[in-house]
Amino acid sequence: MQDRDELLQMLKARFEKNMHRHPGVAWPEVQARLTGNSAALASLLAMETSGGEPDVIGQAGEGGQFRFCDCSPESPAGRRSLCYDPGALESRKENRPQGSALGMAASMGIELLTQAQYRELQQLGEFDTKTSSWIDTPADVRSLGGALFCDRRYGMVFVYHNGAQSYYAARGFRGSLRV
C-alpha cells in the first residue's frame, strides 16, 4: 500500500527531526508497533491529512504504548470551525458549523487532549500562539453548557471556557493516539 509507506516515511522524518520530543525512543520500535496496525495507521493518516503533523511525544501505559500527538505549530487547519461535541452541534438552530471536535475525533479514532496533556505538549515547543484548541472538558463543566479550550500567549498556557456550541475560525482541536 503506497499511502502506508509514504505515511511511515513522513512520520520517520518528523520523528528524526524532533528527537527532543521523545528522548530514549527509537524509530524501529515505533515502526514495529505501527506495522500491521491498520487502525493506528488510518488514524495517523487522518491526523496528517487534516494538518496535525503527528509525532511521538513519549510512552505511556503498562505496555509502553507510544503516544502520538498533533504537533503542528497551530491548531490543525483541517479541524477548525467546529463546536465542541455533537450535543452542542444539535443545539445550534442557525449558522451551524460543519461538525464537532468530539465527533470528528471519534471518526478519526483519536482523543482530544486533556488539560494536563496540553500542558505537557507545551513543554516540547510553543503551540497555538495564534490559534486555540478545544480540550477534553470535565463532565461537570459540560453539563452546565460549557467547554474548555487552551492556547499559548505571552509565554504562558491559558485555559478558557466558552459555550460548547460556539465555534471560531481560529479554534480547532489537537488529538492524541496511543499505539
C-alpha atoms as a PDB file:
ATOM      1  CA  MET A   1       0.000   0.000   0.000  1.00  0.00           C
ATOM      2  CA  GLN A   2       1.698   3.187  -1.195  1.00  0.00           C
ATOM      3  CA  ASP A   3      -0.097   5.558   1.240  1.00  0.00           C
ATOM      4  CA  ARG A   4       1.096   3.408   4.151  1.00  0.00           C
ATOM      5  CA  ASP A   5       4.734   3.564   3.042  1.00  0.00           C
ATOM      6  CA  GLU A   6       4.568   7.310   2.378  1.00  0.00           C
ATOM      7  CA  LEU A   7       2.971   7.900   5.778  1.00  0.00           C
ATOM      8  CA  LEU A   8       5.626   5.835   7.549  1.00  0.00           C
ATOM      9  CA  GLN A   9       8.408   7.727   5.744  1.00  0.00           C
ATOM     10  CA  MET A  10       6.834  11.073   6.678  1.00  0.00           C
ATOM     11  CA  LEU A  11       6.432  10.001  10.320  1.00  0.00           C
ATOM     12  CA  LYS A  12      10.021   8.731  10.437  1.00  0.00           C
ATOM     13  CA  ALA A  13      11.380  12.001   9.012  1.00  0.00           C
ATOM     14  CA  ARG A  14       9.396  14.054  11.553  1.00  0.00           C
ATOM     15  CA  PHE A  15      10.480  11.697  14.356  1.00  0.00           C
ATOM     16  CA  GLU A  16      14.168  12.076  13.451  1.00  0.00           C
ATOM     17  CA  LYS A  17      13.887  15.865  13.052  1.00  0.00           C
ATOM     18  CA  ASN A  18      12.319  16.292  16.513  1.00  0.00           C
ATOM     19  CA  MET A  19      14.219  13.912  18.794  1.00  0.00           C
ATOM     20  CA  HIS A  20      13.681  16.277  21.758  1.00  0.00           C
ATOM     21  CA  ARG A  21      10.011  15.231  21.785  1.00  0.00           C
ATOM     22  CA  HIS A  22      10.783  11.570  22.529  1.00  0.00           C
ATOM     23  CA  PRO A  23      14.141  11.026  24.253  1.00  0.00           C
ATOM     24  CA  GLY A  24      15.053   7.375  24.641  1.00  0.00           C
ATOM     25  CA  VAL A  25      12.604   6.196  21.979  1.00  0.00           C
ATOM     26  CA  ALA A  26      13.973   4.539  18.841  1.00  0.00           C
ATOM     27  CA  TRP A  27      12.161   4.658  15.497  1.00  0.00           C
ATOM     28  CA  PRO A  28      12.428   0.890  14.805  1.00  0.00           C
ATOM     29  CA  GLU A  29      10.382   0.245  17.983  1.00  0.00           C
ATOM     30  CA  VAL A  30       7.714   2.703  16.848  1.00  0.00           C
ATOM     31  CA  GLN A  31       7.642   1.311  13.322  1.00  0.00           C
ATOM     32  CA  ALA A  32       7.272  -2.228  14.677  1.00  0.00           C
ATOM     33  CA  ARG A  33       4.147  -1.127  16.585  1.00  0.00           C
ATOM     34  CA  LEU A  34       2.712   0.578  13.521  1.00  0.00           C
ATOM     35  CA  THR A  35       3.418  -2.183  11.012  1.00  0.00           C
ATOM     36  CA  GLY A  36       0.301  -4.266  10.640  1.00  0.00           C
ATOM     37  CA  ASN A  37      -1.807  -1.930  12.808  1.00  0.00           C
ATOM     38  CA  SER A  38      -4.150  -0.650  10.129  1.00  0.00           C
ATOM     39  CA  ALA A  39      -6.410   1.194  12.598  1.00  0.00           C
ATOM     40  CA  ALA A  40      -3.496   3.206  14.025  1.00  0.00           C
ATOM     41  CA  LEU A  41      -2.176   3.961  10.548  1.00  0.00           C
ATOM     42  CA  ALA A  42      -5.639   5.132   9.445  1.00  0.00           C
ATOM     43  CA  SER A  43      -5.855   7.427  12.475  1.00  0.00           C
ATOM     44  CA  LEU A  44      -2.368   8.829  11.864  1.00  0.00           C
ATOM     45  CA  LEU A  45      -3.206   9.404   8.200  1.00  0.00           C
ATOM     46  CA  ALA A  46      -6.346  11.299   9.231  1.00  0.00           C
ATOM     47  CA  MET A  47      -4.285  13.354  11.671  1.00  0.00           C
ATOM     48  CA  GLU A  48      -1.741  14.099   8.945  1.00  0.00           C
ATOM     49  CA  THR A  49      -4.193  14.968   6.173  1.00  0.00           C
ATOM     50  CA  SER A  50      -6.103  17.355   8.448  1.00  0.00           C
ATOM     51  CA  GLY A  51      -2.888  19.262   9.207  1.00  0.00           C
ATOM     52  CA  GLY A  52      -1.969  17.795  12.598  1.00  0.00           C
ATOM     53  CA  GLU A  53       1.642  16.787  11.910  1.00  0.00           C
ATOM     54  CA  PRO A  54       1.518  13.857  14.379  1.00  0.00           C
ATOM     55  CA  ASP A  55       4.684  12.842  16.192  1.00  0.00           C
ATOM     56  CA  VAL A  56       5.645  10.591  19.088  1.00  0.00           C
ATOM     57  CA  ILE A  57       5.765  12.546  22.332  1.00  0.00           C
ATOM     58  CA  GLY A  58       6.652   9.688  24.659  1.00  0.00           C
ATOM     59  CA  GLN A  59       5.472   6.396  26.046  1.00  0.00           C
ATOM     60  CA  ALA A  60       2.629   5.658  28.435  1.00  0.00           C
ATOM     61  CA  GLY A  61       0.728   2.819  29.972  1.00  0.00           C
ATOM     62  CA  GLU A  62       1.766  -0.567  31.252  1.00  0.00           C
ATOM     63  CA  GLY A  63       2.504  -1.867  27.768  1.00  0.00           C
ATOM     64  CA  GLY A  64       4.749   1.079  26.963  1.00  0.00           C
ATOM     65  CA  GLN A  65       2.414   2.374  24.280  1.00  0.00           C
ATOM     66  CA  PHE A  66       3.807   5.174  22.159  1.00  0.00           C
ATOM     67  CA  ARG A  67       1.895   8.438  22.449  1.00  0.00           C
ATOM     68  CA  PHE A  68       1.340  10.328  19.222  1.00  0.00           C
ATOM     69  CA  CYS A  69       0.070  13.886  19.352  1.00  0.00           C
ATOM     70  CA  ASP A  70      -0.653  16.643  16.854  1.00  0.00           C
ATOM     71  CA  CYS A  71       2.493  18.778  16.821  1.00  0.00           C
ATOM     72  CA  SER A  72       1.547  21.332  14.162  1.00  0.00           C
ATOM     73  CA  PRO A  73       2.544  24.840  15.251  1.00  0.00           C
ATOM     74  CA  GLU A  74      -1.093  25.982  15.190  1.00  0.00           C
ATOM     75  CA  SER A  75      -4.324  24.083  15.747  1.00  0.00           C
ATOM     76  CA  PRO A  76      -4.739  21.757  12.712  1.00  0.00           C
ATOM     77  CA  ALA A  77      -6.240  23.746   9.841  1.00  0.00           C
ATOM     78  CA  GLY A  78      -8.486  20.900   8.716  1.00  0.00           C
ATOM     79  CA  ARG A  79     -10.110  20.717  12.148  1.00  0.00           C
ATOM     80  CA  ARG A  80     -11.193  24.273  12.831  1.00  0.00           C
ATOM     81  CA  SER A  81     -14.580  25.994  12.976  1.00  0.00           C
ATOM     82  CA  LEU A  82     -16.105  23.143  14.976  1.00  0.00           C
ATOM     83  CA  CYS A  83     -18.257  23.338  18.071  1.00  0.00           C
ATOM     84  CA  TYR A  84     -17.295  21.116  21.000  1.00  0.00           C
ATOM     85  CA  ASP A  85     -19.493  17.998  20.748  1.00  0.00           C
ATOM     86  CA  PRO A  86     -22.498  16.509  18.910  1.00  0.00           C
ATOM     87  CA  GLY A  87     -24.894  17.786  21.581  1.00  0.00           C
ATOM     88  CA  ALA A  88     -23.641  21.323  21.068  1.00  0.00           C
ATOM     89  CA  LEU A  89     -23.956  20.910  17.302  1.00  0.00           C
ATOM     90  CA  GLU A  90     -27.572  19.797  17.631  1.00  0.00           C
ATOM     91  CA  SER A  91     -28.379  22.746  19.910  1.00  0.00           C
ATOM     92  CA  ARG A  92     -27.447  25.278  17.226  1.00  0.00           C
ATOM     93  CA  LYS A  93     -30.546  26.406  15.365  1.00  0.00           C
ATOM     94  CA  GLU A  94     -28.765  28.791  12.975  1.00  0.00           C
ATOM     95  CA  ASN A  95     -25.298  29.088  11.467  1.00  0.00           C
ATOM     96  CA  ARG A  96     -24.368  25.521  12.329  1.00  0.00           C
ATOM     97  CA  PRO A  97     -20.733  24.523  11.861  1.00  0.00           C
ATOM     98  CA  GLN A  98     -19.795  21.501   9.740  1.00  0.00           C
ATOM     99  CA  GLY A  99     -19.292  19.333  12.798  1.00  0.00           C
ATOM    100  CA  SER A 100     -17.944  18.998  16.305  1.00  0.00           C
ATOM    101  CA  ALA A 101     -14.491  18.394  17.724  1.00  0.00           C
ATOM    102  CA  LEU A 102     -15.523  15.281  19.670  1.00  0.00           C
ATOM    103  CA  GLY A 103     -17.435  13.908  16.697  1.00  0.00           C
ATOM    104  CA  MET A 104     -14.517  14.399  14.314  1.00  0.00           C
ATOM    105  CA  ALA A 105     -12.030  12.985  16.824  1.00  0.00           C
ATOM    106  CA  ALA A 106     -14.162   9.855  17.237  1.00  0.00           C
ATOM    107  CA  SER A 107     -14.405   9.408  13.461  1.00  0.00           C
ATOM    108  CA  MET A 108     -10.602   9.673  13.271  1.00  0.00           C
ATOM    109  CA  GLY A 109     -10.051   7.200  16.117  1.00  0.00           C
ATOM    110  CA  ILE A 110      -8.267   9.751  18.325  1.00  0.00           C
ATOM    111  CA  GLU A 111      -8.996  11.604  21.561  1.00  0.00           C
ATOM    112  CA  LEU A 112      -8.895  15.289  22.424  1.00  0.00           C
ATOM    113  CA  LEU A 113      -6.020  16.267  24.690  1.00  0.00           C
ATOM    114  CA  THR A 114      -6.749  16.725  28.367  1.00  0.00           C
ATOM    115  CA  GLN A 115      -5.618  19.904  30.084  1.00  0.00           C
ATOM    116  CA  ALA A 116      -2.622  18.032  31.541  1.00  0.00           C
ATOM    117  CA  GLN A 117      -1.686  16.591  28.144  1.00  0.00           C
ATOM    118  CA  TYR A 118      -1.969  20.026  26.533  1.00  0.00           C
ATOM    119  CA  ARG A 119       0.387  21.477  29.127  1.00  0.00           C
ATOM    120  CA  GLU A 120       2.811  18.569  28.603  1.00  0.00           C
ATOM    121  CA  LEU A 121       2.801  19.245  24.860  1.00  0.00           C
ATOM    122  CA  GLN A 122       3.632  22.890  25.522  1.00  0.00           C
ATOM    123  CA  GLN A 123       6.804  21.752  27.307  1.00  0.00           C
ATOM    124  CA  LEU A 124       8.030  20.418  23.942  1.00  0.00           C
ATOM    125  CA  GLY A 125       7.598  23.655  22.000  1.00  0.00           C
ATOM    126  CA  GLU A 126       5.352  26.644  21.501  1.00  0.00           C
ATOM    127  CA  PHE A 127       1.991  25.635  20.059  1.00  0.00           C
ATOM    128  CA  ASP A 128      -1.208  27.607  19.395  1.00  0.00           C
ATOM    129  CA  THR A 129       0.355  31.063  19.574  1.00  0.00           C
ATOM    130  CA  LYS A 130      -2.205  32.375  17.039  1.00  0.00           C
ATOM    131  CA  THR A 131      -4.974  29.776  17.361  1.00  0.00           C
ATOM    132  CA  SER A 132      -6.669  27.842  20.158  1.00  0.00           C
ATOM    133  CA  SER A 133      -7.654  24.205  20.659  1.00  0.00           C
ATOM    134  CA  TRP A 134     -10.642  22.573  22.331  1.00  0.00           C
ATOM    135  CA  ILE A 135      -9.565  20.185  25.102  1.00  0.00           C
ATOM    136  CA  ASP A 136     -11.352  17.329  26.846  1.00  0.00           C
ATOM    137  CA  THR A 137     -13.865  19.002  29.141  1.00  0.00           C
ATOM    138  CA  PRO A 138     -14.883  17.635  32.548  1.00  0.00           C
ATOM    139  CA  ALA A 139     -18.479  16.374  32.687  1.00  0.00           C
ATOM    140  CA  ASP A 140     -19.482  18.896  35.363  1.00  0.00           C
ATOM    141  CA  VAL A 141     -18.446  21.823  33.154  1.00  0.00           C
ATOM    142  CA  ARG A 142     -20.065  20.299  30.071  1.00  0.00           C
ATOM    143  CA  SER A 143     -23.332  19.598  31.934  1.00  0.00           C
ATOM    144  CA  LEU A 144     -23.643  23.339  32.507  1.00  0.00           C
ATOM    145  CA  GLY A 145     -23.268  24.059  28.775  1.00  0.00           C
ATOM    146  CA  GLY A 146     -19.591  24.959  28.749  1.00  0.00           C
ATOM    147  CA  ALA A 147     -16.451  23.562  27.195  1.00  0.00           C
ATOM    148  CA  LEU A 148     -12.739  24.287  27.665  1.00  0.00           C
ATOM    149  CA  PHE A 149     -10.052  25.350  25.241  1.00  0.00           C
ATOM    150  CA  CYS A 150      -6.403  26.355  25.511  1.00  0.00           C
ATOM    151  CA  ASP A 151      -3.808  28.456  23.777  1.00  0.00           C
ATOM    152  CA  ARG A 152      -0.375  29.927  24.385  1.00  0.00           C
ATOM    153  CA  ARG A 153       0.055  33.676  24.693  1.00  0.00           C
ATOM    154  CA  TYR A 154       2.698  35.861  26.318  1.00  0.00           C
ATOM    155  CA  GLY A 155       4.838  32.800  27.019  1.00  0.00           C
ATOM    156  CA  MET A 156       2.115  31.143  29.103  1.00  0.00           C
ATOM    157  CA  VAL A 157      -0.529  28.461  28.558  1.00  0.00           C
ATOM    158  CA  PHE A 158      -4.070  29.640  29.233  1.00  0.00           C
ATOM    159  CA  VAL A 159      -7.227  27.613  29.797  1.00  0.00           C
ATOM    160  CA  TYR A 160     -10.514  29.286  28.926  1.00  0.00           C
ATOM    161  CA  HIS A 161     -14.186  28.414  28.766  1.00  0.00           C
ATOM    162  CA  ASN A 162     -16.838  29.060  26.162  1.00  0.00           C
ATOM    163  CA  GLY A 163     -20.290  27.795  25.342  1.00  0.00           C
ATOM    164  CA  ALA A 164     -19.887  24.318  23.835  1.00  0.00           C
ATOM    165  CA  GLN A 165     -21.956  25.357  20.817  1.00  0.00           C
ATOM    166  CA  SER A 166     -19.547  28.178  19.903  1.00  0.00           C
ATOM    167  CA  TYR A 167     -17.071  27.867  17.053  1.00  0.00           C
ATOM    168  CA  TYR A 168     -14.372  30.070  15.595  1.00  0.00           C
ATOM    169  CA  ALA A 169     -12.186  30.001  12.508  1.00  0.00           C
ATOM    170  CA  ALA A 170      -9.065  30.024  14.687  1.00  0.00           C
ATOM    171  CA  ARG A 171     -10.171  27.256  17.093  1.00  0.00           C
ATOM    172  CA  GLY A 172      -9.687  23.586  16.328  1.00  0.00           C
ATOM    173  CA  PHE A 173      -8.539  20.644  18.370  1.00  0.00           C
ATOM    174  CA  ARG A 174      -5.400  18.567  18.885  1.00  0.00           C
ATOM    175  CA  GLY A 175      -5.638  14.831  19.099  1.00  0.00           C
ATOM    176  CA  SER A 176      -3.797  12.029  20.839  1.00  0.00           C
ATOM    177  CA  LEU A 177      -3.333   8.401  19.870  1.00  0.00           C
ATOM    178  CA  ARG A 178      -1.722   5.540  21.793  1.00  0.00           C
ATOM    179  CA  VAL A 179      -0.123   2.751  19.773  1.00  0.00           C
END
